Amino acid sequence: MNKKGIALGFLVTLILGLLIFGSTAFFFSRCFRLSDKGLESYEALVENIQAMEKKVEGEIEAHILIMDKETALIGFTKESELVQFDASIGGDSYFERPAQCAENKSCLCLCREGFGDKELFDAWNIEVICETSILCNSFENIDFPSKISSEDFGLAHPQSYEFRGGFMFTRKRHGFTTIPKMEIGTREKAIYLERYKEGVALCFDPPCFKQDIS
């Protein structure tokens, strides 16, 4: 084979390799990377929560929440070390406060990848983790309710439930999770913010306080 043939063969092989690599990288980025819109929606939600500090009690603002599959939102009160999910019949779970949350401040976290139940050591109280990537923002002058009922939160679940120390919900593609989750086919959903005393409550069916909570 002459030098031109060798060079042409090398060039074809190089082009094919780049095409295969590019296609593979694009596929995995689509599967596992948080989309720009999902990240922008989280950042806008953080700004809207901060803006609620200037609202009067009982005032409600709507936010269009965009969530990618396999992601989750977790909120912590200023004093909570974990968010506890208590179901009416078994299936309780909890999520520990991450190091990214500032001490003595409320905190909102976006699990960008790797959200799910940890290996089952206690089937009655399951630890939920964000194994791969989590992004958190802390609030100094805003707190979340210390208890939230399923009626107030407004996100469907097979059983009635209560959050203590914050809240958490997910949009899972597949697999089992004990906590409330958005419908698989729903990427966009309205979430509501309500000013209450020294804090802000988030819910999917306003008003966020169908009964008094503290």
Protein backbone atom coordinates (compact mmCIF):
# COMPACT_ATOMS: atom_id res chain seq x y z
CA MET A 1 0.00 0.00 0.00
CA ASN A 2 1.38 3.43 -0.95
CA LYS A 3 1.73 6.36 1.44
CA LYS A 4 -1.45 8.04 0.14
CA GLY A 5 -3.46 4.91 0.86
CA ILE A 6 -2.06 4.65 4.37
CA ALA A 7 -2.74 8.31 5.08
CA LEU A 8 -6.30 8.02 3.74
CA GLY A 9 -6.97 4.94 5.83
CA PHE A 10 -5.66 6.68 8.96
CA LEU A 11 -7.82 9.73 8.25
CA VAL A 12 -10.97 7.63 7.79
CA THR A 13 -10.25 5.72 11.02
CA LEU A 14 -9.68 8.98 12.90
CA ILE A 15 -12.93 10.51 11.64
CA LEU A 16 -14.93 7.39 12.53
CA GLY A 17 -13.37 7.36 16.00
CA LEU A 18 -14.27 11.00 16.60
CA LEU A 19 -17.84 10.42 15.42
CA ILE A 20 -18.28 7.42 17.72
CA PHE A 21 -16.75 9.27 20.68
CA GLY A 22 -18.90 12.35 20.06
CA SER A 23 -22.10 10.32 19.78
CA THR A 24 -21.31 8.37 22.94
CA ALA A 25 -20.47 11.53 24.92
CA PHE A 26 -23.68 13.20 23.72
CA PHE A 27 -25.77 10.16 24.69
CA PHE A 28 -24.37 10.00 28.23
CA SER A 29 -24.62 13.75 28.71
CA ARG A 30 -28.29 13.56 27.77
CA CYS A 31 -28.84 10.69 30.18
CA PHE A 32 -26.92 11.91 33.20
CA ARG A 33 -26.34 15.66 33.01
CA LEU A 34 -28.77 18.13 34.48
CA SER A 35 -30.28 20.12 31.63
CA ASP A 36 -29.75 23.87 31.39
CA LYS A 37 -33.47 24.45 31.93
CA GLY A 38 -33.53 22.24 35.00
CA LEU A 39 -30.62 24.13 36.54
CA GLU A 40 -32.07 27.53 35.58
CA SER A 41 -35.40 26.55 37.16
CA TYR A 42 -33.66 25.65 40.43
CA GLU A 43 -31.68 28.91 40.45
CA ALA A 44 -34.86 30.91 39.76
CA LEU A 45 -36.63 29.09 42.61
CA VAL A 46 -33.81 30.06 44.97
CA GLU A 47 -34.19 33.71 43.91
CA ASN A 48 -37.97 33.55 44.36
CA ILE A 49 -37.61 32.12 47.87
CA GLN A 50 -35.22 34.94 48.79
CA ALA A 51 -37.66 37.51 47.34
CA MET A 52 -40.44 36.16 49.58
CA GLU A 53 -38.72 37.83 52.53
CA LYS A 54 -40.29 41.12 51.40
CA LYS A 55 -43.80 39.67 51.00
CA VAL A 56 -46.58 39.94 53.55
CA GLU A 57 -47.98 36.97 55.44
CA GLY A 58 -50.39 34.90 53.36
CA GLU A 59 -49.07 36.19 50.01
CA ILE A 60 -48.60 33.43 47.41
CA GLU A 61 -46.32 33.36 44.37
CA ALA A 62 -46.27 30.70 41.63
CA HIS A 63 -43.11 29.23 40.12
CA ILE A 64 -42.90 26.91 37.11
CA LEU A 65 -40.67 24.11 38.31
CA ILE A 66 -38.71 22.18 35.67
CA MET A 67 -37.27 18.88 36.90
CA ASP A 68 -35.21 16.38 34.96
CA LYS A 69 -35.74 12.68 35.57
CA GLU A 70 -33.74 11.18 38.44
CA THR A 71 -33.40 14.57 40.17
CA ALA A 72 -34.85 15.71 43.50
CA LEU A 73 -35.40 18.81 45.63
CA ILE A 74 -34.71 18.70 49.37
CA GLY A 75 -35.36 21.55 51.80
CA PHE A 76 -34.04 21.83 55.37
CA THR A 77 -35.16 24.10 58.20
CA LYS A 78 -32.54 26.13 60.07
CA GLU A 79 -32.35 23.68 62.96
CA SER A 80 -32.84 20.34 61.20
CA GLU A 81 -30.04 17.82 60.76
CA LEU A 82 -32.23 15.69 58.51
CA VAL A 83 -35.56 15.68 56.70
CA GLN A 84 -37.83 12.93 58.00
CA PHE A 85 -40.64 11.49 55.89
CA ASP A 86 -43.26 9.68 57.98
CA ALA A 87 -45.82 7.61 56.11
CA SER A 88 -49.09 6.63 57.75
CA ILE A 89 -48.31 2.92 57.34
CA GLY A 90 -44.58 2.06 57.37
CA GLY A 91 -42.17 3.08 54.64
CA ASP A 92 -40.59 5.99 56.53
CA SER A 93 -37.40 7.55 55.17
CA TYR A 94 -34.94 10.36 55.88
CA PHE A 95 -32.29 12.48 54.15
CA GLU A 96 -29.35 13.83 56.13
CA ARG A 97 -28.33 17.48 55.89
CA PRO A 98 -25.37 17.76 53.46
CA ALA A 99 -22.16 19.62 54.27
CA GLN A 100 -22.99 22.15 51.52
CA CYS A 101 -25.74 23.62 53.75
CA ALA A 102 -24.58 26.46 56.02
CA GLU A 103 -25.00 25.96 59.77
CA ASN A 104 -28.08 27.52 61.40
CA LYS A 105 -29.56 28.53 58.06
CA SER A 106 -32.39 27.03 56.06
CA CYS A 107 -31.25 25.31 52.91
CA LEU A 108 -32.59 24.14 49.55
CA CYS A 109 -30.72 21.41 47.66
CA LEU A 110 -31.00 20.00 44.17
CA CYS A 111 -29.84 16.42 43.76
CA ARG A 112 -28.59 16.48 40.18
CA GLU A 113 -27.75 12.80 39.89
CA GLY A 114 -27.75 9.62 41.97
CA PHE A 115 -30.92 10.14 44.05
CA GLY A 116 -32.43 7.06 45.63
CA ASP A 117 -32.85 4.80 48.63
CA LYS A 118 -29.67 3.53 50.23
CA GLU A 119 -29.15 -0.17 50.83
CA LEU A 120 -31.92 -1.38 53.12
CA PHE A 121 -30.58 -1.87 56.63
CA ASP A 122 -33.88 -0.85 58.24
CA ALA A 123 -36.95 -1.39 56.09
CA TRP A 124 -39.01 0.81 58.41
CA ASN A 125 -36.78 3.88 58.24
CA ILE A 126 -34.85 4.08 54.97
CA GLU A 127 -31.98 6.48 54.36
CA VAL A 128 -32.32 8.38 51.08
CA ILE A 129 -29.11 9.67 49.51
CA CYS A 130 -27.80 11.77 46.63
CA GLU A 131 -24.88 9.60 45.64
CA THR A 132 -23.28 11.60 42.83
CA SER A 133 -23.96 15.35 42.64
CA ILE A 134 -25.82 17.83 44.85
CA LEU A 135 -26.13 21.62 44.71
CA CYS A 136 -27.28 23.63 47.77
CA ASN A 137 -28.20 27.23 48.64
CA SER A 138 -28.67 28.56 52.18
CA PHE A 139 -31.04 31.29 53.42
CA GLU A 140 -30.32 33.44 56.45
CA ASN A 141 -33.65 35.26 56.91
CA ILE A 142 -36.07 32.66 55.56
CA ASP A 143 -37.07 29.39 57.18
CA PHE A 144 -39.29 26.48 56.12
CA PRO A 145 -42.08 24.97 58.26
CA SER A 146 -40.84 22.35 60.72
CA LYS A 147 -43.81 20.09 59.92
CA ILE A 148 -45.71 19.68 56.65
CA SER A 149 -48.66 17.34 56.14
CA SER A 150 -49.51 15.59 52.87
CA GLU A 151 -52.70 17.68 52.71
CA ASP A 152 -50.69 20.89 52.89
CA PHE A 153 -47.91 19.77 50.57
CA GLY A 154 -50.33 18.63 47.87
CA LEU A 155 -48.17 16.02 46.10
CA ALA A 156 -49.82 12.64 45.61
CA HIS A 157 -48.60 9.55 47.46
CA PRO A 158 -50.29 6.16 48.13
CA GLN A 159 -50.48 7.01 51.83
CA SER A 160 -50.95 10.13 53.90
CA TYR A 161 -47.61 11.44 55.15
CA GLU A 162 -45.84 14.13 57.12
CA PHE A 163 -42.47 15.84 56.68
CA ARG A 164 -40.45 16.94 59.70
CA GLY A 165 -37.43 19.20 59.45
CA GLY A 166 -38.11 20.22 55.87
CA PHE A 167 -39.38 18.43 52.75
CA MET A 168 -38.20 16.34 49.80
CA PHE A 169 -39.63 15.09 46.52
CA THR A 170 -38.32 13.60 43.32
CA ARG A 171 -39.01 12.91 39.67
CA LYS A 172 -37.72 9.39 39.20
CA ARG A 173 -37.38 7.54 35.92
CA HIS A 174 -37.66 4.09 37.43
CA GLY A 175 -37.08 2.17 40.60
CA PHE A 176 -38.54 2.41 44.08
CA THR A 177 -38.66 5.44 46.30
CA THR A 178 -40.56 5.89 49.54
CA ILE A 179 -41.02 9.64 49.17
CA PRO A 180 -43.54 11.59 47.04
CA LYS A 181 -42.62 11.92 43.38
CA MET A 182 -43.81 13.95 40.42
CA GLU A 183 -45.46 12.08 37.57
CA ILE A 184 -42.87 10.47 35.27
CA GLY A 185 -44.20 12.27 32.19
CA THR A 186 -44.40 15.68 33.87
CA ARG A 187 -41.27 17.78 33.44
CA GLU A 188 -42.91 21.12 34.20
CA LYS A 189 -45.18 21.66 37.18
CA ALA A 190 -46.36 24.73 39.07
CA ILE A 191 -45.10 24.98 42.64
CA TYR A 192 -46.35 27.68 45.01
CA LEU A 193 -44.53 29.73 47.63
CA GLU A 194 -46.51 31.16 50.55
CA ARG A 195 -45.21 33.66 53.10
CA TYR A 196 -45.93 32.50 56.63
CA LYS A 197 -44.69 34.14 59.84
CA GLU A 198 -40.87 34.14 59.56
CA GLY A 199 -40.79 31.59 56.79
CA VAL A 200 -41.90 30.37 53.39
CA ALA A 201 -43.80 27.19 52.60
CA LEU A 202 -43.69 25.37 49.27
CA CYS A 203 -46.63 23.34 48.03
CA PHE A 204 -48.33 22.04 44.88
CA ASP A 205 -51.91 22.85 45.83
CA PRO A 206 -52.36 26.32 47.39
CA PRO A 207 -52.98 27.54 49.94
CA CYS A 208 -50.02 25.82 51.54
CA PHE A 209 -51.65 26.02 55.00
CA LYS A 210 -54.95 24.20 55.03
CA GLN A 211 -54.33 23.73 58.72
CA ASP A 212 -52.06 25.65 61.07
CA ILE A 213 -48.46 24.42 61.25
CA SER A 214 -45.39 25.83 62.95
